[in-house]
Amino acid sequence: MRNSSKQKMLRITYSTSSIGVESDQKDTVRRLGLRKLGQSVEQPDSPALRGMIHKVRHLLTVEEFEA
């Protein structure tokens, strides 16, 4: 049985510049909480977050961990 107190989290790192990409992709990066290249944020895993990451997967590095 899995321990329900452990929540899956994602560490999202802005790894590639958004120069030359569509403005909606730049907006998605900003809505993920990323402002500067190399910045990382930690957010709880969810289907909505996964969809946002999928849209800009070429600009990000993502790691899973349990909190």
Protein backbone atom coordinates (compact mmCIF):
# COMPACT_ATOMS: atom_id res chain seq x y z
CA MET A 1 0.00 0.00 0.00
CA ARG A 2 1.30 3.46 -0.87
CA ASN A 3 1.82 6.05 1.80
CA SER A 4 -0.76 8.74 1.00
CA SER A 5 1.14 11.43 2.96
CA LYS A 6 3.81 11.58 0.26
CA GLN A 7 2.74 13.89 -2.55
CA LYS A 8 4.34 13.80 -5.98
CA MET A 9 6.03 17.07 -6.80
CA LEU A 10 7.70 18.36 -9.94
CA ARG A 11 10.87 20.46 -10.06
CA ILE A 12 10.60 22.50 -13.24
CA THR A 13 13.70 24.28 -14.56
CA TYR A 14 13.66 26.89 -17.33
CA SER A 15 16.54 25.57 -19.43
CA THR A 16 16.23 26.99 -22.96
CA SER A 17 15.56 30.57 -24.06
CA SER A 18 12.11 31.45 -25.34
CA ILE A 19 13.44 33.90 -27.94
CA GLY A 20 11.75 33.16 -31.25
CA VAL A 21 8.92 31.03 -29.87
CA GLU A 22 5.22 31.87 -30.06
CA SER A 23 3.89 34.35 -27.50
CA ASP A 24 1.44 31.79 -26.06
CA GLN A 25 4.42 29.57 -25.19
CA LYS A 26 6.17 32.49 -23.48
CA ASP A 27 2.96 33.10 -21.52
CA THR A 28 2.85 29.44 -20.47
CA VAL A 29 6.42 29.62 -19.14
CA ARG A 30 5.49 32.72 -17.13
CA ARG A 31 2.35 31.04 -15.74
CA LEU A 32 4.48 28.15 -14.55
CA GLY A 33 6.21 30.71 -12.32
CA LEU A 34 9.42 30.91 -14.34
CA ARG A 35 10.92 34.30 -15.08
CA LYS A 36 14.65 33.89 -15.66
CA LEU A 37 16.65 31.30 -17.57
CA GLY A 38 17.98 28.68 -15.17
CA GLN A 39 15.30 29.36 -12.55
CA SER A 40 13.59 26.38 -10.91
CA VAL A 41 10.20 26.05 -9.22
CA GLU A 42 8.61 23.16 -7.35
CA GLN A 43 4.92 22.51 -7.89
CA PRO A 44 2.52 19.68 -6.99
CA ASP A 45 1.89 17.23 -9.83
CA SER A 46 -1.50 17.59 -11.55
CA PRO A 47 -2.98 16.92 -15.00
CA ALA A 48 -3.27 20.67 -15.70
CA LEU A 49 0.38 21.25 -14.82
CA ARG A 50 1.42 18.28 -16.98
CA GLY A 51 -0.47 19.81 -19.92
CA MET A 52 1.32 23.14 -19.50
CA ILE A 53 4.68 21.37 -19.30
CA HIS A 54 3.87 19.34 -22.43
CA LYS A 55 3.19 22.53 -24.38
CA VAL A 56 6.65 23.96 -23.63
CA ARG A 57 8.59 20.72 -23.06
CA HIS A 58 11.36 21.90 -25.43
CA LEU A 59 12.11 24.83 -23.07
CA LEU A 60 12.08 22.98 -19.73
CA THR A 61 13.76 20.27 -17.71
CA VAL A 62 11.45 18.38 -15.34
CA GLU A 63 12.27 16.13 -12.38
CA GLU A 64 9.79 14.18 -10.22
CA PHE A 65 10.23 13.78 -6.48
CA GLU A 66 8.11 13.05 -3.43
CA ALA A 67 7.57 15.64 -0.74
